[in-house]
Amino acid sequence: MKKLFVPHELAVQLKEKGFNEPCLVNVWKDNNYIHLAIPQCNDDYLTIRCSAPIQSVLQQWLREIHFIHVEICRDEDEWKPTLYSFKNGNKHIPNGFTTYKEYAEALEEGLYFALNQI
């Protein structure tokens, strides 16, 4: 189940980019251990923790708020992320990605790259 959620580093970047959507869990790092927990409504709690959306929620946020679509294509036995910007028409965002053996790896890399575009 943990693989459904974005990793801690990506959650931190999301917080810095203004992601403030309700999520099933929050994530934080303590003594090199990554924690996932149900969010609480305490301001102190939220300042050190980040929302950890599932990957599809992040894809939706990128598409609806920042007009960036992350697509994962299959090429023979490998997966490759492809990004498109819908801000000024349908434009491919060159990224120089390599291919990945795992779909999840390709998606995670595409999400990181998409965040760096905003």
C-alpha atoms as a PDB file:
ATOM      1  CA  MET A   1       0.000   0.000   0.000  1.00  0.00           C
ATOM      2  CA  LYS A   2       2.900   2.356   0.758  1.00  0.00           C
ATOM      3  CA  LYS A   3       3.919   2.361  -2.926  1.00  0.00           C
ATOM      4  CA  LEU A   4       0.659   4.101  -3.850  1.00  0.00           C
ATOM      5  CA  PHE A   5       1.743   7.276  -2.056  1.00  0.00           C
ATOM      6  CA  VAL A   6       4.392   9.676  -3.287  1.00  0.00           C
ATOM      7  CA  PRO A   7       7.758   9.312  -1.515  1.00  0.00           C
ATOM      8  CA  HIS A   8       8.818  11.683   1.269  1.00  0.00           C
ATOM      9  CA  GLU A   9      11.148  13.757  -0.936  1.00  0.00           C
ATOM     10  CA  LEU A  10       8.391  14.344  -3.466  1.00  0.00           C
ATOM     11  CA  ALA A  11       5.905  15.255  -0.708  1.00  0.00           C
ATOM     12  CA  VAL A  12       8.369  17.885   0.572  1.00  0.00           C
ATOM     13  CA  GLN A  13       8.673  19.359  -2.944  1.00  0.00           C
ATOM     14  CA  LEU A  14       4.896  19.365  -3.262  1.00  0.00           C
ATOM     15  CA  LYS A  15       4.544  21.345  -0.045  1.00  0.00           C
ATOM     16  CA  GLU A  16       7.095  23.875  -1.348  1.00  0.00           C
ATOM     17  CA  LYS A  17       5.144  24.168  -4.630  1.00  0.00           C
ATOM     18  CA  GLY A  18       1.910  24.955  -2.787  1.00  0.00           C
ATOM     19  CA  PHE A  19       0.188  21.572  -2.793  1.00  0.00           C
ATOM     20  CA  ASN A  20      -2.484  21.850  -0.111  1.00  0.00           C
ATOM     21  CA  GLU A  21      -5.029  19.185  -0.998  1.00  0.00           C
ATOM     22  CA  PRO A  22      -6.626  16.941   1.630  1.00  0.00           C
ATOM     23  CA  CYS A  23      -4.885  13.550   1.652  1.00  0.00           C
ATOM     24  CA  LEU A  24      -5.379  10.223   3.335  1.00  0.00           C
ATOM     25  CA  VAL A  25      -1.972  10.425   5.016  1.00  0.00           C
ATOM     26  CA  ASN A  26       0.805  12.806   5.966  1.00  0.00           C
ATOM     27  CA  VAL A  27       4.465  11.875   5.709  1.00  0.00           C
ATOM     28  CA  TRP A  28       7.537  13.014   7.652  1.00  0.00           C
ATOM     29  CA  LYS A  29      11.081  11.903   8.277  1.00  0.00           C
ATOM     30  CA  ASP A  30      12.430  11.306  11.766  1.00  0.00           C
ATOM     31  CA  ASN A  31      15.814   9.686  12.498  1.00  0.00           C
ATOM     32  CA  ASN A  32      16.067   8.517   8.880  1.00  0.00           C
ATOM     33  CA  TYR A  33      12.740   6.688   9.157  1.00  0.00           C
ATOM     34  CA  ILE A  34       9.805   7.681   6.947  1.00  0.00           C
ATOM     35  CA  HIS A  35       6.465   7.845   8.798  1.00  0.00           C
ATOM     36  CA  LEU A  36       2.981   7.780   7.293  1.00  0.00           C
ATOM     37  CA  ALA A  37       0.056   8.785   9.477  1.00  0.00           C
ATOM     38  CA  ILE A  38      -3.525   9.957   9.276  1.00  0.00           C
ATOM     39  CA  PRO A  39      -3.582  13.796   9.258  1.00  0.00           C
ATOM     40  CA  GLN A  40      -4.563  15.691  12.376  1.00  0.00           C
ATOM     41  CA  CYS A  41      -5.936  19.223  12.615  1.00  0.00           C
ATOM     42  CA  ASN A  42      -3.075  20.646  14.662  1.00  0.00           C
ATOM     43  CA  ASP A  43      -1.035  23.541  13.229  1.00  0.00           C
ATOM     44  CA  ASP A  44       2.226  22.375  14.855  1.00  0.00           C
ATOM     45  CA  TYR A  45       1.683  18.922  13.440  1.00  0.00           C
ATOM     46  CA  LEU A  46       1.192  20.247   9.901  1.00  0.00           C
ATOM     47  CA  THR A  47       4.287  22.469   9.903  1.00  0.00           C
ATOM     48  CA  ILE A  48       6.691  19.518  10.101  1.00  0.00           C
ATOM     49  CA  ARG A  49       4.649  17.083   8.054  1.00  0.00           C
ATOM     50  CA  CYS A  50       3.641  17.062   4.400  1.00  0.00           C
ATOM     51  CA  SER A  51       0.566  15.791   2.658  1.00  0.00           C
ATOM     52  CA  ALA A  52       1.354  12.555   0.875  1.00  0.00           C
ATOM     53  CA  PRO A  53      -1.117  12.078  -1.947  1.00  0.00           C
ATOM     54  CA  ILE A  54      -1.464   8.928  -3.934  1.00  0.00           C
ATOM     55  CA  GLN A  55       0.217   9.246  -7.311  1.00  0.00           C
ATOM     56  CA  SER A  56      -3.022   9.658  -9.258  1.00  0.00           C
ATOM     57  CA  VAL A  57      -4.046  12.619  -7.064  1.00  0.00           C
ATOM     58  CA  LEU A  58      -0.717  14.290  -7.817  1.00  0.00           C
ATOM     59  CA  GLN A  59      -1.193  13.616 -11.539  1.00  0.00           C
ATOM     60  CA  GLN A  60      -4.641  15.209 -11.349  1.00  0.00           C
ATOM     61  CA  TRP A  61      -3.300  18.248  -9.432  1.00  0.00           C
ATOM     62  CA  LEU A  62      -0.535  18.770 -11.986  1.00  0.00           C
ATOM     63  CA  ARG A  63      -3.028  18.488 -14.841  1.00  0.00           C
ATOM     64  CA  GLU A  64      -5.823  20.651 -13.388  1.00  0.00           C
ATOM     65  CA  ILE A  65      -3.797  23.327 -11.577  1.00  0.00           C
ATOM     66  CA  HIS A  66      -0.582  23.533 -13.621  1.00  0.00           C
ATOM     67  CA  PHE A  67      -1.764  22.135 -16.986  1.00  0.00           C
ATOM     68  CA  ILE A  68       0.952  19.454 -17.083  1.00  0.00           C
ATOM     69  CA  HIS A  69       0.018  15.920 -18.062  1.00  0.00           C
ATOM     70  CA  VAL A  70       2.294  13.005 -17.137  1.00  0.00           C
ATOM     71  CA  GLU A  71       1.858  10.042 -19.429  1.00  0.00           C
ATOM     72  CA  ILE A  72       3.637   6.693 -19.129  1.00  0.00           C
ATOM     73  CA  CYS A  73       4.186   4.867 -22.431  1.00  0.00           C
ATOM     74  CA  ARG A  74       5.233   1.280 -22.958  1.00  0.00           C
ATOM     75  CA  ASP A  75       8.056   0.666 -25.399  1.00  0.00           C
ATOM     76  CA  GLU A  76       8.722  -3.038 -25.875  1.00  0.00           C
ATOM     77  CA  ASP A  77       9.531  -4.264 -22.334  1.00  0.00           C
ATOM     78  CA  GLU A  78      10.175  -0.874 -20.775  1.00  0.00           C
ATOM     79  CA  TRP A  79       8.249   2.176 -19.576  1.00  0.00           C
ATOM     80  CA  LYS A  80       8.964   5.814 -20.401  1.00  0.00           C
ATOM     81  CA  PRO A  81       7.436   9.011 -18.971  1.00  0.00           C
ATOM     82  CA  THR A  82       6.258  11.662 -21.404  1.00  0.00           C
ATOM     83  CA  LEU A  83       5.095  15.126 -20.346  1.00  0.00           C
ATOM     84  CA  TYR A  84       2.749  17.574 -22.051  1.00  0.00           C
ATOM     85  CA  SER A  85       1.908  21.172 -21.233  1.00  0.00           C
ATOM     86  CA  PHE A  86      -1.637  22.359 -21.918  1.00  0.00           C
ATOM     87  CA  LYS A  87      -0.994  25.949 -20.810  1.00  0.00           C
ATOM     88  CA  ASN A  88      -0.436  27.296 -24.319  1.00  0.00           C
ATOM     89  CA  GLY A  89      -1.756  24.486 -26.440  1.00  0.00           C
ATOM     90  CA  ASN A  90      -0.785  20.837 -26.419  1.00  0.00           C
ATOM     91  CA  LYS A  91       3.014  20.894 -26.297  1.00  0.00           C
ATOM     92  CA  HIS A  92       5.394  18.059 -25.593  1.00  0.00           C
ATOM     93  CA  ILE A  93       7.887  18.911 -22.828  1.00  0.00           C
ATOM     94  CA  PRO A  94      11.317  17.550 -23.830  1.00  0.00           C
ATOM     95  CA  ASN A  95      12.809  15.670 -20.919  1.00  0.00           C
ATOM     96  CA  GLY A  96      15.504  13.248 -22.060  1.00  0.00           C
ATOM     97  CA  PHE A  97      14.121  10.428 -19.912  1.00  0.00           C
ATOM     98  CA  THR A  98      15.548   6.986 -20.203  1.00  0.00           C
ATOM     99  CA  THR A  99      13.302   3.951 -20.040  1.00  0.00           C
ATOM    100  CA  TYR A 100      12.496   2.036 -16.865  1.00  0.00           C
ATOM    101  CA  LYS A 101      11.791  -1.626 -16.191  1.00  0.00           C
ATOM    102  CA  GLU A 102       9.033  -0.760 -13.701  1.00  0.00           C
ATOM    103  CA  TYR A 103       5.949   1.369 -14.391  1.00  0.00           C
ATOM    104  CA  ALA A 104       6.137   2.870 -10.894  1.00  0.00           C
ATOM    105  CA  GLU A 105       9.728   4.056 -11.447  1.00  0.00           C
ATOM    106  CA  ALA A 106       8.779   5.758 -14.712  1.00  0.00           C
ATOM    107  CA  LEU A 107       5.758   7.432 -13.103  1.00  0.00           C
ATOM    108  CA  GLU A 108       7.752   8.655 -10.106  1.00  0.00           C
ATOM    109  CA  GLU A 109      10.453  10.111 -12.357  1.00  0.00           C
ATOM    110  CA  GLY A 110       7.817  11.798 -14.507  1.00  0.00           C
ATOM    111  CA  LEU A 111       6.158  13.325 -11.434  1.00  0.00           C
ATOM    112  CA  TYR A 112       9.488  14.683 -10.146  1.00  0.00           C
ATOM    113  CA  PHE A 113      10.237  16.207 -13.543  1.00  0.00           C
ATOM    114  CA  ALA A 114       6.734  17.698 -13.837  1.00  0.00           C
ATOM    115  CA  LEU A 115       7.082  19.373 -10.427  1.00  0.00           C
ATOM    116  CA  ASN A 116      10.301  20.994 -11.555  1.00  0.00           C
ATOM    117  CA  GLN A 117       8.402  22.577 -14.451  1.00  0.00           C
ATOM    118  CA  ILE A 118       6.251  24.712 -12.129  1.00  0.00           C
END
